[in-house]
Every structure is written in C-alpha cells, then in structure tokens.
Amino acid sequence: MAMATNSIKLLTGNSHGVLAKLVADRLGIELAKIMVLQYSNNESSISIGESVRDEDVFILQSTEPGNINDHIMELLILINACRTASARRITAVLPNFPYARQDKKDKSRAPITAKLMANMLQTAGCNHVITMDLHASQIQGFFNVPVDNLYAEPSTLRWIRDNLPVRDCVIVSPDAGGAKRATSIADGLDLGFALIHKERARPNEVSRMVLVGDVRDRVAIIVDDMADTCGTLVKAADVVMEHGAREAIAIVTHGILS
C-alpha cells in the first residue's frame, strides 16, 4: 500500500540501487532522476535531472568494500547539489555508517575519522542523518544535526523466535564492546548470555579469545554489528563449540565481507 509522502524525493548514487528501488516501491514513488558519471581521472560528476526546490530530499547511499571513498564523495556531491538547488531539507540515509570503527583516538596521532565524516556531511549541507546499528553509538554526538540510529534488534528477535528452538539457545557477544547489544537481545528472549573476551595482536587479527558464561548443550547465537574479514566470528564459533555448544549461529547487521 502506498504511503503519504508529502513532496518526498528519493535519490541514490551507485552504492544501493536495488535497495533504493525497493524503498521507492514501498513508498509508492519514483526514484529521482540523476546521472552519475566518472571522468577518466576518476573524478565523479553528478547531475540531478529534476527539480528538488522546496522538497524533502532523502539520499540513500552507503558503502561497499573497494568503493568506500568513491561512494562517500558521491554522497557529499549529491547533498551539496541538492543544497544549492534549494531543497527544503536533506536527509542522508546511510545503512552502514562509513569509518564508524575510527570513533576514538586509540593511539598517538590517530585521527577520529568518524568525526571527520560527521563534519563533511554537515558542511556539504546535510540536515538529518539516518543510519543503522552504529558501531559506536557515541558517533551520534559528533553531529550538530539530528541523527536517528535504527536498530536491527526487533527483526533479530522475530527471526530467532520464528526459526530457532528459543529455549535451547544462548546469546553470545564476541567481544566486550558488543555486550550491551547481546544482553538486550538475551533479555528480549529471556535467555542466558555469554561473553567472549578477545585480545588483538594487530588490526583485523584476533590472537586469543576467552569465554565467560555457559554454552554447553545450547545453540550459541553470536550477535555482532558487523562482519568484515569474519575472523572474529570464526574464532568465536570455534570457542563456543570447544566449550560444548550444540551449534553456533551468527547474526550480523552489516555483512561487509571484505
């Protein structure tokens, strides 16, 4: 059923064409006409093929491995093009917020790139940001415009209830940073909770993992916000199986899979 849209314009670059079309169909609107070209030196050129004056514009653009920076530039150019074309409000919809893992200064001279992303989006002309399961929720505080951080938890709870023997399950966080997410899901299902403490020798390489909690004879559901190289998930699955879990299942919001 079509929804009331009140002069909504939905735009997308090259990152999420299929998803943007699904959203447009759900809203009962057409995707706005835009053209995204790339010069021989890899500069992006974008033109909007219809008026956005006084419109409520939503730009759906995220990132994929290998093209992250190109898609970020497309997004910034699209935002700025809409701003200079007198759009009433511009909302950036980023299902997976780029550079979210660089949210703090964890060593000397390290940049806080997630803050830089917030600055660039606002400088380009963004009025509002919608994203999902931020790697670090404090990123919302990097902005001076509203940020809606949506959660996959309701869908996760529904899927577990519909597809797994809930009473035989235990929720597992693969690291301390995901404990709040995992405990919330465990509470929603009235299940037990376990935590894996991990130590990294270097980025994207986990050297040692220790299980805290009981998974014996249970279906261990490992929940995380993202899977990049999947090294953490594979080692977490090995750990729970070594501790007597009947089965290991991973539920992840952002499958980067690089």
C-alpha atoms as a PDB file:
ATOM      1  CA  MET A   1       0.000   0.000   0.000  1.00  0.00           C
ATOM      2  CA  ALA A   2       1.382   3.418  -0.953  1.00  0.00           C
ATOM      3  CA  MET A   3       2.193   5.851   1.855  1.00  0.00           C
ATOM      4  CA  ALA A   4       1.596   9.610   2.001  1.00  0.00           C
ATOM      5  CA  THR A   5       4.910  11.149   1.025  1.00  0.00           C
ATOM      6  CA  ASN A   6       4.364  14.952   1.125  1.00  0.00           C
ATOM      7  CA  SER A   7       6.840  16.030  -1.589  1.00  0.00           C
ATOM      8  CA  ILE A   8       9.499  13.431  -0.851  1.00  0.00           C
ATOM      9  CA  LYS A   9      12.349  12.983  -3.305  1.00  0.00           C
ATOM     10  CA  LEU A  10      14.437   9.814  -3.013  1.00  0.00           C
ATOM     11  CA  LEU A  11      17.890   9.864  -4.602  1.00  0.00           C
ATOM     12  CA  THR A  12      20.697   7.341  -4.715  1.00  0.00           C
ATOM     13  CA  GLY A  13      24.183   7.093  -6.166  1.00  0.00           C
ATOM     14  CA  ASN A  14      25.886   3.899  -7.309  1.00  0.00           C
ATOM     15  CA  SER A  15      26.048   2.091  -3.971  1.00  0.00           C
ATOM     16  CA  HIS A  16      22.490   0.921  -3.266  1.00  0.00           C
ATOM     17  CA  GLY A  17      20.399   0.989  -6.433  1.00  0.00           C
ATOM     18  CA  VAL A  18      18.444  -2.187  -5.667  1.00  0.00           C
ATOM     19  CA  LEU A  19      17.678  -1.160  -2.073  1.00  0.00           C
ATOM     20  CA  ALA A  20      16.683   2.351  -3.156  1.00  0.00           C
ATOM     21  CA  LYS A  21      14.270   0.896  -5.724  1.00  0.00           C
ATOM     22  CA  LEU A  22      12.708  -1.341  -3.044  1.00  0.00           C
ATOM     23  CA  VAL A  23      12.246   1.673  -0.746  1.00  0.00           C
ATOM     24  CA  ALA A  24      10.748   3.748  -3.568  1.00  0.00           C
ATOM     25  CA  ASP A  25       8.304   0.961  -4.441  1.00  0.00           C
ATOM     26  CA  ARG A  26       7.301   0.643  -0.786  1.00  0.00           C
ATOM     27  CA  LEU A  27       6.635   4.392  -0.619  1.00  0.00           C
ATOM     28  CA  GLY A  28       4.810   4.397  -3.936  1.00  0.00           C
ATOM     29  CA  ILE A  29       7.154   6.954  -5.508  1.00  0.00           C
ATOM     30  CA  GLU A  30       9.679   7.036  -8.337  1.00  0.00           C
ATOM     31  CA  LEU A  31      13.396   7.393  -7.751  1.00  0.00           C
ATOM     32  CA  ALA A  32      14.529  10.888  -8.674  1.00  0.00           C
ATOM     33  CA  LYS A  33      16.391  11.059 -11.966  1.00  0.00           C
ATOM     34  CA  ILE A  34      20.101  11.616 -11.535  1.00  0.00           C
ATOM     35  CA  MET A  35      23.161  10.910 -13.636  1.00  0.00           C
ATOM     36  CA  VAL A  36      26.436   9.826 -12.050  1.00  0.00           C
ATOM     37  CA  LEU A  37      29.463   9.883 -14.351  1.00  0.00           C
ATOM     38  CA  GLN A  38      33.149   9.328 -13.758  1.00  0.00           C
ATOM     39  CA  TYR A  39      35.834  11.160 -15.691  1.00  0.00           C
ATOM     40  CA  SER A  40      38.937   9.327 -16.901  1.00  0.00           C
ATOM     41  CA  ASN A  41      40.828  10.625 -13.851  1.00  0.00           C
ATOM     42  CA  ASN A  42      38.126   9.049 -11.589  1.00  0.00           C
ATOM     43  CA  GLU A  43      36.516  12.349 -10.565  1.00  0.00           C
ATOM     44  CA  SER A  44      32.766  11.979 -10.078  1.00  0.00           C
ATOM     45  CA  SER A  45      30.281  14.203 -11.899  1.00  0.00           C
ATOM     46  CA  ILE A  46      26.642  14.255 -10.785  1.00  0.00           C
ATOM     47  CA  SER A  47      23.626  15.984 -12.274  1.00  0.00           C
ATOM     48  CA  ILE A  48      20.069  15.906 -10.902  1.00  0.00           C
ATOM     49  CA  GLY A  49      17.520  15.553 -13.682  1.00  0.00           C
ATOM     50  CA  GLU A  50      14.524  17.133 -11.949  1.00  0.00           C
ATOM     51  CA  SER A  51      13.713  19.964  -9.565  1.00  0.00           C
ATOM     52  CA  VAL A  52      14.227  19.452  -5.829  1.00  0.00           C
ATOM     53  CA  ARG A  53      13.332  23.039  -4.867  1.00  0.00           C
ATOM     54  CA  ASP A  54      11.430  23.107  -1.541  1.00  0.00           C
ATOM     55  CA  GLU A  55      11.399  19.286  -1.483  1.00  0.00           C
ATOM     56  CA  ASP A  56      12.139  16.933   1.414  1.00  0.00           C
ATOM     57  CA  VAL A  57      15.100  15.022  -0.060  1.00  0.00           C
ATOM     58  CA  PHE A  58      16.338  11.630   1.122  1.00  0.00           C
ATOM     59  CA  ILE A  59      19.661  10.392  -0.272  1.00  0.00           C
ATOM     60  CA  LEU A  60      20.187   6.663   0.243  1.00  0.00           C
ATOM     61  CA  GLN A  61      23.876   5.904  -0.060  1.00  0.00           C
ATOM     62  CA  SER A  62      26.161   3.612   1.848  1.00  0.00           C
ATOM     63  CA  THR A  63      29.467   1.895   1.169  1.00  0.00           C
ATOM     64  CA  GLU A  64      30.823  -1.368  -0.135  1.00  0.00           C
ATOM     65  CA  PRO A  65      34.341  -2.836   0.035  1.00  0.00           C
ATOM     66  CA  GLY A  66      36.610  -1.422  -2.647  1.00  0.00           C
ATOM     67  CA  ASN A  67      34.460   1.648  -3.360  1.00  0.00           C
ATOM     68  CA  ILE A  68      34.007   3.263   0.056  1.00  0.00           C
ATOM     69  CA  ASN A  69      35.675   6.581  -0.702  1.00  0.00           C
ATOM     70  CA  ASP A  70      34.054   6.919  -4.143  1.00  0.00           C
ATOM     71  CA  HIS A  71      30.623   6.397  -2.597  1.00  0.00           C
ATOM     72  CA  ILE A  72      31.350   8.921   0.153  1.00  0.00           C
ATOM     73  CA  MET A  73      32.280  11.537  -2.463  1.00  0.00           C
ATOM     74  CA  GLU A  74      29.119  10.725  -4.447  1.00  0.00           C
ATOM     75  CA  LEU A  75      27.075  11.261  -1.293  1.00  0.00           C
ATOM     76  CA  LEU A  76      28.738  14.578  -0.449  1.00  0.00           C
ATOM     77  CA  ILE A  77      28.327  15.858  -4.013  1.00  0.00           C
ATOM     78  CA  LEU A  78      24.667  14.780  -4.067  1.00  0.00           C
ATOM     79  CA  ILE A  79      23.992  16.531  -0.752  1.00  0.00           C
ATOM     80  CA  ASN A  80      25.674  19.713  -1.924  1.00  0.00           C
ATOM     81  CA  ALA A  81      23.907  19.622  -5.289  1.00  0.00           C
ATOM     82  CA  CYS A  82      20.544  19.399  -3.507  1.00  0.00           C
ATOM     83  CA  ARG A  83      21.519  22.206  -1.126  1.00  0.00           C
ATOM     84  CA  THR A  84      22.487  24.559  -3.952  1.00  0.00           C
ATOM     85  CA  ALA A  85      19.274  23.557  -5.789  1.00  0.00           C
ATOM     86  CA  SER A  86      17.218  24.892  -2.831  1.00  0.00           C
ATOM     87  CA  ALA A  87      15.994  21.612  -1.330  1.00  0.00           C
ATOM     88  CA  ARG A  88      13.953  22.263   1.827  1.00  0.00           C
ATOM     89  CA  ARG A  89      15.577  19.510   3.886  1.00  0.00           C
ATOM     90  CA  ILE A  90      18.236  16.903   3.071  1.00  0.00           C
ATOM     91  CA  THR A  91      18.414  13.588   4.911  1.00  0.00           C
ATOM     92  CA  ALA A  92      21.362  11.250   4.346  1.00  0.00           C
ATOM     93  CA  VAL A  93      20.347   7.605   4.753  1.00  0.00           C
ATOM     94  CA  LEU A  94      23.478   5.543   5.403  1.00  0.00           C
ATOM     95  CA  PRO A  95      22.597   1.932   6.336  1.00  0.00           C
ATOM     96  CA  ASN A  96      26.242   1.309   7.259  1.00  0.00           C
ATOM     97  CA  PHE A  97      27.969   4.467   8.516  1.00  0.00           C
ATOM     98  CA  PRO A  98      31.459   4.705   6.944  1.00  0.00           C
ATOM     99  CA  TYR A  99      34.559   4.882   9.143  1.00  0.00           C
ATOM    100  CA  ALA A 100      32.480   4.052  12.234  1.00  0.00           C
ATOM    101  CA  ARG A 101      35.311   1.957  13.678  1.00  0.00           C
ATOM    102  CA  GLN A 102      37.522   5.057  13.851  1.00  0.00           C
ATOM    103  CA  ASP A 103      35.468   6.712  16.584  1.00  0.00           C
ATOM    104  CA  LYS A 104      38.183   7.491  19.126  1.00  0.00           C
ATOM    105  CA  LYS A 105      41.851   8.329  19.463  1.00  0.00           C
ATOM    106  CA  ASP A 106      43.144   4.897  20.450  1.00  0.00           C
ATOM    107  CA  LYS A 107      46.839   5.633  19.905  1.00  0.00           C
ATOM    108  CA  SER A 108      49.145   8.613  19.480  1.00  0.00           C
ATOM    109  CA  ARG A 109      48.447  10.752  16.412  1.00  0.00           C
ATOM    110  CA  ALA A 110      45.441   8.633  15.390  1.00  0.00           C
ATOM    111  CA  PRO A 111      42.624  10.512  13.610  1.00  0.00           C
ATOM    112  CA  ILE A 112      38.990  10.365  14.733  1.00  0.00           C
ATOM    113  CA  THR A 113      37.723   9.776  11.218  1.00  0.00           C
ATOM    114  CA  ALA A 114      34.102   9.177  12.213  1.00  0.00           C
ATOM    115  CA  LYS A 115      34.055  12.775  13.498  1.00  0.00           C
ATOM    116  CA  LEU A 116      35.549  13.937  10.197  1.00  0.00           C
ATOM    117  CA  MET A 117      32.718  12.119   8.385  1.00  0.00           C
ATOM    118  CA  ALA A 118      30.173  13.987  10.520  1.00  0.00           C
ATOM    119  CA  ASN A 119      31.864  17.305   9.736  1.00  0.00           C
ATOM    120  CA  MET A 120      31.911  16.627   5.987  1.00  0.00           C
ATOM    121  CA  LEU A 121      28.250  15.602   5.849  1.00  0.00           C
ATOM    122  CA  GLN A 122      27.207  18.786   7.649  1.00  0.00           C
ATOM    123  CA  THR A 123      29.498  21.014   5.585  1.00  0.00           C
ATOM    124  CA  ALA A 124      28.025  19.538   2.392  1.00  0.00           C
ATOM    125  CA  GLY A 125      24.578  20.609   3.616  1.00  0.00           C
ATOM    126  CA  CYS A 126      23.012  17.615   5.358  1.00  0.00           C
ATOM    127  CA  ASN A 127      20.176  18.423   7.807  1.00  0.00           C
ATOM    128  CA  HIS A 128      19.491  14.941   9.162  1.00  0.00           C
ATOM    129  CA  VAL A 129      21.160  11.507   9.206  1.00  0.00           C
ATOM    130  CA  ILE A 130      19.537   8.076   9.387  1.00  0.00           C
ATOM    131  CA  THR A 131      21.776   5.065   9.958  1.00  0.00           C
ATOM    132  CA  MET A 132      21.568   1.600  11.488  1.00  0.00           C
ATOM    133  CA  ASP A 133      23.361  -0.161  14.332  1.00  0.00           C
ATOM    134  CA  LEU A 134      26.256   2.274  14.649  1.00  0.00           C
ATOM    135  CA  HIS A 135      29.472   0.526  15.624  1.00  0.00           C
ATOM    136  CA  ALA A 136      29.836   3.125  18.382  1.00  0.00           C
ATOM    137  CA  SER A 137      26.655   4.902  19.499  1.00  0.00           C
ATOM    138  CA  GLN A 138      28.611   7.969  20.647  1.00  0.00           C
ATOM    139  CA  ILE A 139      29.089   8.871  16.969  1.00  0.00           C
ATOM    140  CA  GLN A 140      25.627  10.465  17.218  1.00  0.00           C
ATOM    141  CA  GLY A 141      27.247  13.100  19.418  1.00  0.00           C
ATOM    142  CA  PHE A 142      29.681  14.074  16.646  1.00  0.00           C
ATOM    143  CA  PHE A 143      26.827  15.804  14.796  1.00  0.00           C
ATOM    144  CA  ASN A 144      25.061  19.121  15.323  1.00  0.00           C
ATOM    145  CA  VAL A 145      22.063  17.862  13.319  1.00  0.00           C
ATOM    146  CA  PRO A 146      19.575  15.108  14.297  1.00  0.00           C
ATOM    147  CA  VAL A 147      20.823  11.519  13.942  1.00  0.00           C
ATOM    148  CA  ASP A 148      18.473   8.529  14.027  1.00  0.00           C
ATOM    149  CA  ASN A 149      20.342   5.317  14.826  1.00  0.00           C
ATOM    150  CA  LEU A 150      17.934   2.498  13.985  1.00  0.00           C
ATOM    151  CA  TYR A 151      18.322  -0.963  15.497  1.00  0.00           C
ATOM    152  CA  ALA A 152      18.128  -4.421  13.941  1.00  0.00           C
ATOM    153  CA  GLU A 153      17.100  -5.918  17.294  1.00  0.00           C
ATOM    154  CA  PRO A 154      13.319  -6.200  16.597  1.00  0.00           C
ATOM    155  CA  SER A 155      13.998  -8.101  13.367  1.00  0.00           C
ATOM    156  CA  THR A 156      16.618 -10.234  15.122  1.00  0.00           C
ATOM    157  CA  LEU A 157      14.217 -11.197  17.909  1.00  0.00           C
ATOM    158  CA  ARG A 158      11.496 -12.038  15.415  1.00  0.00           C
ATOM    159  CA  TRP A 159      13.819 -14.199  13.299  1.00  0.00           C
ATOM    160  CA  ILE A 160      15.112 -16.138  16.302  1.00  0.00           C
ATOM    161  CA  ARG A 161      11.584 -16.821  17.579  1.00  0.00           C
ATOM    162  CA  ASP A 162      10.443 -17.956  14.126  1.00  0.00           C
ATOM    163  CA  ASN A 163      13.431 -20.108  13.185  1.00  0.00           C
ATOM    164  CA  LEU A 164      15.189 -21.470  16.266  1.00  0.00           C
ATOM    165  CA  PRO A 165      14.301 -23.523  19.364  1.00  0.00           C
ATOM    166  CA  VAL A 166      14.426 -20.478  21.642  1.00  0.00           C
ATOM    167  CA  ARG A 167      14.527 -22.358  24.948  1.00  0.00           C
ATOM    168  CA  ASP A 168      17.677 -24.178  23.804  1.00  0.00           C
ATOM    169  CA  CYS A 169      19.580 -21.023  22.840  1.00  0.00           C
ATOM    170  CA  VAL A 170      22.109 -18.744  24.496  1.00  0.00           C
ATOM    171  CA  ILE A 171      23.129 -15.299  23.218  1.00  0.00           C
ATOM    172  CA  VAL A 172      26.871 -14.698  22.823  1.00  0.00           C
ATOM    173  CA  SER A 173      28.737 -11.429  22.354  1.00  0.00           C
ATOM    174  CA  PRO A 174      32.056 -11.943  20.509  1.00  0.00           C
ATOM    175  CA  ASP A 175      33.653  -9.048  22.415  1.00  0.00           C
ATOM    176  CA  ALA A 176      33.114  -6.730  25.358  1.00  0.00           C
ATOM    177  CA  GLY A 177      32.074  -3.855  23.077  1.00  0.00           C
ATOM    178  CA  GLY A 178      29.004  -5.779  21.904  1.00  0.00           C
ATOM    179  CA  ALA A 179      27.883  -6.842  25.382  1.00  0.00           C
ATOM    180  CA  LYS A 180      25.102  -4.246  25.626  1.00  0.00           C
ATOM    181  CA  ARG A 181      23.650  -5.316  22.257  1.00  0.00           C
ATOM    182  CA  ALA A 182      23.812  -9.011  23.167  1.00  0.00           C
ATOM    183  CA  THR A 183      22.341  -8.594  26.658  1.00  0.00           C
ATOM    184  CA  SER A 184      19.440  -6.590  25.238  1.00  0.00           C
ATOM    185  CA  ILE A 185      18.636  -9.428  22.821  1.00  0.00           C
ATOM    186  CA  ALA A 186      19.056 -12.001  25.591  1.00  0.00           C
ATOM    187  CA  ASP A 187      16.670 -10.036  27.826  1.00  0.00           C
ATOM    188  CA  GLY A 188      14.163  -9.743  24.982  1.00  0.00           C
ATOM    189  CA  LEU A 189      14.101 -13.530  24.646  1.00  0.00           C
ATOM    190  CA  ASP A 190      14.548 -14.278  28.371  1.00  0.00           C
ATOM    191  CA  LEU A 191      17.723 -16.229  27.607  1.00  0.00           C
ATOM    192  CA  GLY A 192      21.159 -16.638  29.109  1.00  0.00           C
ATOM    193  CA  PHE A 193      24.131 -14.571  27.979  1.00  0.00           C
ATOM    194  CA  ALA A 194      27.808 -15.327  27.406  1.00  0.00           C
ATOM    195  CA  LEU A 195      30.729 -13.069  26.526  1.00  0.00           C
ATOM    196  CA  ILE A 196      33.960 -13.731  24.667  1.00  0.00           C
ATOM    197  CA  HIS A 197      36.927 -11.620  25.672  1.00  0.00           C
ATOM    198  CA  LYS A 198      39.278 -11.114  22.734  1.00  0.00           C
ATOM    199  CA  GLU A 199      42.806  -9.817  22.500  1.00  0.00           C
ATOM    200  CA  ARG A 200      44.130  -8.444  19.189  1.00  0.00           C
ATOM    201  CA  ALA A 201      47.774  -8.643  18.165  1.00  0.00           C
ATOM    202  CA  ARG A 202      47.090  -6.160  15.317  1.00  0.00           C
ATOM    203  CA  PRO A 203      44.037  -4.753  13.458  1.00  0.00           C
ATOM    204  CA  ASN A 204      41.752  -7.436  11.965  1.00  0.00           C
ATOM    205  CA  GLU A 205      43.734 -10.184  13.698  1.00  0.00           C
ATOM    206  CA  VAL A 206      42.446 -11.769  16.917  1.00  0.00           C
ATOM    207  CA  SER A 207      45.112 -13.642  18.867  1.00  0.00           C
ATOM    208  CA  ARG A 208      43.257 -15.032  21.915  1.00  0.00           C
ATOM    209  CA  MET A 209      39.616 -15.495  22.940  1.00  0.00           C
ATOM    210  CA  VAL A 210      38.271 -16.487  26.365  1.00  0.00           C
ATOM    211  CA  LEU A 211      34.634 -17.484  27.003  1.00  0.00           C
ATOM    212  CA  VAL A 212      32.797 -16.151  30.063  1.00  0.00           C
ATOM    213  CA  GLY A 213      29.466 -17.954  30.554  1.00  0.00           C
ATOM    214  CA  ASP A 214      27.906 -21.357  29.875  1.00  0.00           C
ATOM    215  CA  VAL A 215      27.045 -22.545  26.349  1.00  0.00           C
ATOM    216  CA  ARG A 216      27.121 -26.312  26.912  1.00  0.00           C
ATOM    217  CA  ASP A 217      24.385 -28.204  25.013  1.00  0.00           C
ATOM    218  CA  ARG A 218      22.977 -24.901  23.727  1.00  0.00           C
ATOM    219  CA  VAL A 219      22.551 -23.270  20.335  1.00  0.00           C
ATOM    220  CA  ALA A 220      25.043 -20.402  20.629  1.00  0.00           C
ATOM    221  CA  ILE A 221      23.778 -17.308  18.774  1.00  0.00           C
ATOM    222  CA  ILE A 222      26.708 -14.965  18.194  1.00  0.00           C
ATOM    223  CA  VAL A 223      25.433 -11.422  17.561  1.00  0.00           C
ATOM    224  CA  ASP A 224      27.515  -8.532  16.246  1.00  0.00           C
ATOM    225  CA  ASP A 225      27.045  -5.265  14.382  1.00  0.00           C
ATOM    226  CA  MET A 226      29.395  -6.098  11.512  1.00  0.00           C
ATOM    227  CA  ALA A 227      31.400  -8.883   9.901  1.00  0.00           C
ATOM    228  CA  ASP A 228      34.404  -7.701   7.907  1.00  0.00           C
ATOM    229  CA  THR A 229      37.023 -10.429   7.462  1.00  0.00           C
ATOM    230  CA  CYS A 230      34.879 -12.721   9.682  1.00  0.00           C
ATOM    231  CA  GLY A 231      37.963 -13.723  11.669  1.00  0.00           C
ATOM    232  CA  THR A 232      36.285 -12.811  14.957  1.00  0.00           C
ATOM    233  CA  LEU A 233      33.118 -14.767  14.127  1.00  0.00           C
ATOM    234  CA  VAL A 234      35.019 -17.879  13.047  1.00  0.00           C
ATOM    235  CA  LYS A 235      37.141 -17.875  16.193  1.00  0.00           C
ATOM    236  CA  ALA A 236      34.087 -17.154  18.358  1.00  0.00           C
ATOM    237  CA  ALA A 237      32.310 -20.138  16.783  1.00  0.00           C
ATOM    238  CA  ASP A 238      35.363 -22.310  17.471  1.00  0.00           C
ATOM    239  CA  VAL A 239      35.422 -21.163  21.105  1.00  0.00           C
ATOM    240  CA  VAL A 240      31.745 -21.923  21.799  1.00  0.00           C
ATOM    241  CA  MET A 241      31.983 -25.312  20.085  1.00  0.00           C
ATOM    242  CA  GLU A 242      35.077 -26.159  22.143  1.00  0.00           C
ATOM    243  CA  HIS A 243      33.008 -25.359  25.248  1.00  0.00           C
ATOM    244  CA  GLY A 244      30.259 -27.806  24.321  1.00  0.00           C
ATOM    245  CA  ALA A 245      27.776 -25.744  22.304  1.00  0.00           C
ATOM    246  CA  ARG A 246      25.431 -27.854  20.182  1.00  0.00           C
ATOM    247  CA  GLU A 247      25.567 -25.398  17.285  1.00  0.00           C
ATOM    248  CA  ALA A 248      26.962 -21.939  16.503  1.00  0.00           C
ATOM    249  CA  ILE A 249      24.918 -19.373  14.550  1.00  0.00           C
ATOM    250  CA  ALA A 250      25.999 -15.808  13.722  1.00  0.00           C
ATOM    251  CA  ILE A 251      23.546 -12.920  13.296  1.00  0.00           C
ATOM    252  CA  VAL A 252      25.190  -9.749  11.970  1.00  0.00           C
ATOM    253  CA  THR A 253      23.650  -6.434  10.900  1.00  0.00           C
ATOM    254  CA  HIS A 254      26.307  -5.329   8.403  1.00  0.00           C
ATOM    255  CA  GLY A 255      27.862  -8.057   6.258  1.00  0.00           C
ATOM    256  CA  ILE A 256      30.890  -6.200   4.885  1.00  0.00           C
ATOM    257  CA  LEU A 257      32.664  -9.458   3.966  1.00  0.00           C
ATOM    258  CA  SER A 258      35.778  -7.847   2.575  1.00  0.00           C
END
